[in-house]
Amino acid sequence: MLIILPDMLSRQAALDLRARLVAAHWVDGNVTSGEGSALAKVNRQLPEDAQETCAAQQVVMAALAASPRFLSAALPHTIFPP
C-alpha cells in the first residue's frame, strides 16, 4: 500500500534541508555495510554521527510526528530516525 504524505515540509524547509545536505561531507556507504554486502553496496551517505545527519533526522522526524495521516496509517510504536 502506498501512502502519499503531501506537504510534509514547507517549500522553504525542504530547500533549507537540501542545501545543508548538498554542502555536507558524504562518505562511502560501505562504512556501515557488512562484509557480505560490501560488494553490492555502491552509495554515498552521511556519517551517522555528523551534525548534518542529526539535523536532517530531526527535521524529518518532526514532520512525521506532526502528520496525522502518517500516524494513523502507520500506527508507529517507535519511529527510527531515517
N, C-alpha and C. Protein backbone atom coordinates (compact mmCIF):
# COMPACT_ATOMS: atom_id res chain seq x y z
N MET A 1 0.84 -1.17 0.00
CA MET A 1 0.00 0.00 0.00
C MET A 1 0.88 1.24 0.00
N LEU A 2 0.57 2.15 -0.88
CA LEU A 2 1.31 3.40 -0.99
C LEU A 2 0.55 4.49 -0.26
N ILE A 3 1.24 5.19 0.60
CA ILE A 3 0.64 6.31 1.31
C ILE A 3 1.38 7.57 0.92
N ILE A 4 0.66 8.51 0.37
CA ILE A 4 1.28 9.77 -0.05
C ILE A 4 1.07 10.78 1.06
N LEU A 5 2.15 11.42 1.46
CA LEU A 5 2.11 12.42 2.52
C LEU A 5 2.51 13.77 1.92
N PRO A 6 1.56 14.47 1.32
CA PRO A 6 1.90 15.73 0.67
C PRO A 6 2.26 16.82 1.68
N ASP A 7 3.12 17.71 1.24
CA ASP A 7 3.47 18.90 2.02
C ASP A 7 3.96 18.58 3.43
N MET A 8 4.78 17.54 3.54
CA MET A 8 5.34 17.21 4.86
C MET A 8 6.23 18.33 5.36
N LEU A 9 6.93 18.96 4.43
CA LEU A 9 7.77 20.11 4.77
C LEU A 9 7.32 21.29 3.92
N SER A 10 7.46 22.46 4.48
CA SER A 10 7.19 23.64 3.66
C SER A 10 8.26 23.70 2.57
N ARG A 11 7.98 24.46 1.52
CA ARG A 11 8.95 24.59 0.44
C ARG A 11 10.28 25.12 0.98
N GLN A 12 10.21 26.14 1.84
CA GLN A 12 11.44 26.72 2.37
C GLN A 12 12.19 25.73 3.26
N ALA A 13 11.48 24.97 4.08
CA ALA A 13 12.14 23.97 4.93
C ALA A 13 12.82 22.91 4.08
N ALA A 14 12.17 22.48 2.99
CA ALA A 14 12.76 21.49 2.10
C ALA A 14 14.01 22.05 1.41
N LEU A 15 13.93 23.30 0.96
CA LEU A 15 15.09 23.94 0.32
C LEU A 15 16.25 24.09 1.29
N ASP A 16 15.95 24.48 2.52
CA ASP A 16 16.99 24.63 3.54
C ASP A 16 17.66 23.29 3.85
N LEU A 17 16.84 22.25 3.99
CA LEU A 17 17.36 20.92 4.27
C LEU A 17 18.22 20.44 3.11
N ARG A 18 17.75 20.65 1.89
CA ARG A 18 18.50 20.23 0.72
C ARG A 18 19.85 20.94 0.66
N ALA A 19 19.86 22.23 0.92
CA ALA A 19 21.12 23.00 0.89
C ALA A 19 22.11 22.45 1.92
N ARG A 20 21.63 22.13 3.10
CA ARG A 20 22.51 21.57 4.14
C ARG A 20 23.08 20.23 3.71
N LEU A 21 22.22 19.40 3.11
CA LEU A 21 22.66 18.07 2.70
C LEU A 21 23.63 18.12 1.53
N VAL A 22 23.39 19.01 0.59
CA VAL A 22 24.30 19.15 -0.55
C VAL A 22 25.68 19.60 -0.09
N ALA A 23 25.73 20.47 0.90
CA ALA A 23 27.00 21.01 1.39
C ALA A 23 27.72 20.06 2.36
N ALA A 24 27.04 19.03 2.81
CA ALA A 24 27.61 18.13 3.83
C ALA A 24 28.70 17.24 3.24
N HIS A 25 29.51 16.71 4.13
CA HIS A 25 30.56 15.76 3.75
C HIS A 25 29.96 14.35 3.72
N TRP A 26 29.95 13.73 2.56
CA TRP A 26 29.40 12.39 2.38
C TRP A 26 30.55 11.39 2.33
N VAL A 27 30.29 10.17 2.81
CA VAL A 27 31.32 9.13 2.84
C VAL A 27 30.86 7.90 2.07
N ASP A 28 31.77 7.00 1.82
CA ASP A 28 31.47 5.72 1.17
C ASP A 28 30.45 4.97 2.01
N GLY A 29 29.40 4.48 1.36
CA GLY A 29 28.35 3.76 2.07
C GLY A 29 28.80 2.47 2.72
N ASN A 30 29.95 1.97 2.32
CA ASN A 30 30.43 0.73 2.91
C ASN A 30 30.91 0.89 4.35
N VAL A 31 30.93 2.10 4.86
CA VAL A 31 31.31 2.26 6.27
C VAL A 31 30.30 1.59 7.19
N THR A 32 29.07 1.37 6.70
CA THR A 32 28.05 0.71 7.52
C THR A 32 27.61 -0.63 6.95
N SER A 33 28.27 -1.11 5.89
CA SER A 33 27.86 -2.39 5.32
C SER A 33 28.61 -3.53 5.98
N GLY A 34 27.98 -4.67 5.96
CA GLY A 34 28.65 -5.86 6.43
C GLY A 34 29.54 -6.41 5.33
N GLU A 35 30.34 -7.39 5.68
CA GLU A 35 31.28 -7.97 4.72
C GLU A 35 30.56 -8.54 3.50
N GLY A 36 29.42 -9.16 3.72
CA GLY A 36 28.68 -9.80 2.64
C GLY A 36 28.07 -8.82 1.66
N SER A 37 27.71 -7.63 2.12
CA SER A 37 27.05 -6.68 1.23
C SER A 37 28.01 -5.62 0.68
N ALA A 38 29.25 -5.66 1.07
CA ALA A 38 30.21 -4.63 0.66
C ALA A 38 30.38 -4.55 -0.85
N LEU A 39 30.30 -5.68 -1.54
CA LEU A 39 30.47 -5.67 -2.99
C LEU A 39 29.23 -5.13 -3.70
N ALA A 40 28.07 -5.30 -3.09
CA ALA A 40 26.82 -4.88 -3.73
C ALA A 40 26.45 -3.44 -3.38
N LYS A 41 26.95 -2.94 -2.28
CA LYS A 41 26.55 -1.62 -1.82
C LYS A 41 27.45 -0.56 -2.46
N VAL A 42 26.86 0.24 -3.31
CA VAL A 42 27.61 1.28 -4.00
C VAL A 42 26.85 2.59 -3.81
N ASN A 43 27.15 3.30 -2.76
CA ASN A 43 26.46 4.55 -2.48
C ASN A 43 27.32 5.46 -1.62
N ARG A 44 26.86 6.67 -1.46
CA ARG A 44 27.48 7.64 -0.56
C ARG A 44 26.43 7.91 0.52
N GLN A 45 26.87 8.22 1.71
CA GLN A 45 25.95 8.51 2.80
C GLN A 45 26.60 9.48 3.78
N LEU A 46 25.76 10.10 4.56
CA LEU A 46 26.28 10.97 5.61
C LEU A 46 26.77 10.10 6.76
N PRO A 47 27.85 10.50 7.40
CA PRO A 47 28.27 9.77 8.59
C PRO A 47 27.16 9.80 9.63
N GLU A 48 26.95 8.69 10.32
CA GLU A 48 25.85 8.58 11.27
C GLU A 48 25.91 9.62 12.37
N ASP A 49 27.11 10.05 12.75
CA ASP A 49 27.25 10.99 13.86
C ASP A 49 27.48 12.43 13.40
N ALA A 50 27.33 12.69 12.10
CA ALA A 50 27.56 14.04 11.59
C ALA A 50 26.44 14.99 12.02
N GLN A 51 26.80 16.24 12.22
CA GLN A 51 25.84 17.26 12.62
C GLN A 51 24.70 17.37 11.60
N GLU A 52 25.03 17.29 10.31
CA GLU A 52 24.02 17.39 9.27
C GLU A 52 23.05 16.21 9.32
N THR A 53 23.57 15.02 9.65
CA THR A 53 22.72 13.84 9.76
C THR A 53 21.70 14.04 10.87
N CYS A 54 22.17 14.48 12.03
CA CYS A 54 21.27 14.70 13.17
C CYS A 54 20.23 15.76 12.86
N ALA A 55 20.64 16.84 12.21
CA ALA A 55 19.71 17.91 11.87
C ALA A 55 18.65 17.42 10.90
N ALA A 56 19.06 16.67 9.88
CA ALA A 56 18.11 16.14 8.90
C ALA A 56 17.14 15.16 9.55
N GLN A 57 17.65 14.31 10.41
CA GLN A 57 16.79 13.37 11.12
C GLN A 57 15.75 14.10 11.96
N GLN A 58 16.16 15.16 12.64
CA GLN A 58 15.23 15.91 13.48
C GLN A 58 14.13 16.56 12.65
N VAL A 59 14.49 17.11 11.50
CA VAL A 59 13.51 17.75 10.63
C VAL A 59 12.49 16.73 10.13
N VAL A 60 12.98 15.59 9.64
CA VAL A 60 12.09 14.56 9.10
C VAL A 60 11.24 13.94 10.21
N MET A 61 11.85 13.65 11.34
CA MET A 61 11.10 13.05 12.46
C MET A 61 10.00 13.99 12.96
N ALA A 62 10.30 15.28 13.06
CA ALA A 62 9.29 16.24 13.50
C ALA A 62 8.13 16.31 12.50
N ALA A 63 8.45 16.27 11.21
CA ALA A 63 7.40 16.31 10.19
C ALA A 63 6.54 15.06 10.26
N LEU A 64 7.14 13.90 10.44
CA LEU A 64 6.36 12.67 10.56
C LEU A 64 5.49 12.68 11.81
N ALA A 65 6.06 13.11 12.92
CA ALA A 65 5.31 13.14 14.18
C ALA A 65 4.15 14.12 14.14
N ALA A 66 4.23 15.14 13.28
CA ALA A 66 3.17 16.14 13.19
C ALA A 66 2.14 15.79 12.13
N SER A 67 2.29 14.65 11.50
CA SER A 67 1.38 14.27 10.42
C SER A 67 0.33 13.27 10.89
N PRO A 68 -0.92 13.73 11.06
CA PRO A 68 -1.98 12.80 11.47
C PRO A 68 -2.15 11.67 10.46
N ARG A 69 -1.97 11.97 9.19
CA ARG A 69 -2.12 10.94 8.16
C ARG A 69 -1.07 9.84 8.32
N PHE A 70 0.17 10.23 8.56
CA PHE A 70 1.23 9.24 8.77
C PHE A 70 0.94 8.43 10.02
N LEU A 71 0.63 9.10 11.10
CA LEU A 71 0.41 8.41 12.37
C LEU A 71 -0.75 7.43 12.30
N SER A 72 -1.84 7.82 11.64
CA SER A 72 -2.99 6.92 11.56
C SER A 72 -2.75 5.78 10.58
N ALA A 73 -1.97 6.02 9.53
CA ALA A 73 -1.71 4.97 8.55
C ALA A 73 -0.66 3.98 9.05
N ALA A 74 0.38 4.48 9.68
CA ALA A 74 1.48 3.62 10.10
C ALA A 74 1.29 3.04 11.51
N LEU A 75 0.56 3.74 12.36
CA LEU A 75 0.40 3.35 13.74
C LEU A 75 1.73 2.97 14.39
N PRO A 76 2.71 3.87 14.29
CA PRO A 76 4.05 3.51 14.78
C PRO A 76 4.14 3.47 16.29
N HIS A 77 4.76 2.43 16.80
CA HIS A 77 5.08 2.37 18.22
C HIS A 77 6.35 3.17 18.45
N THR A 78 7.28 2.97 17.55
CA THR A 78 8.56 3.68 17.60
C THR A 78 8.91 4.10 16.17
N ILE A 79 9.42 5.30 16.02
CA ILE A 79 9.90 5.75 14.72
C ILE A 79 11.41 5.87 14.81
N PHE A 80 12.10 5.09 14.00
CA PHE A 80 13.55 5.14 14.00
C PHE A 80 13.99 6.24 13.03
N PRO A 81 15.02 6.97 13.38
CA PRO A 81 15.48 8.07 12.50
C PRO A 81 15.84 7.57 11.12
N PRO A 82 15.43 8.32 10.13
CA PRO A 82 15.77 7.94 8.75
C PRO A 82 17.25 8.13 8.47
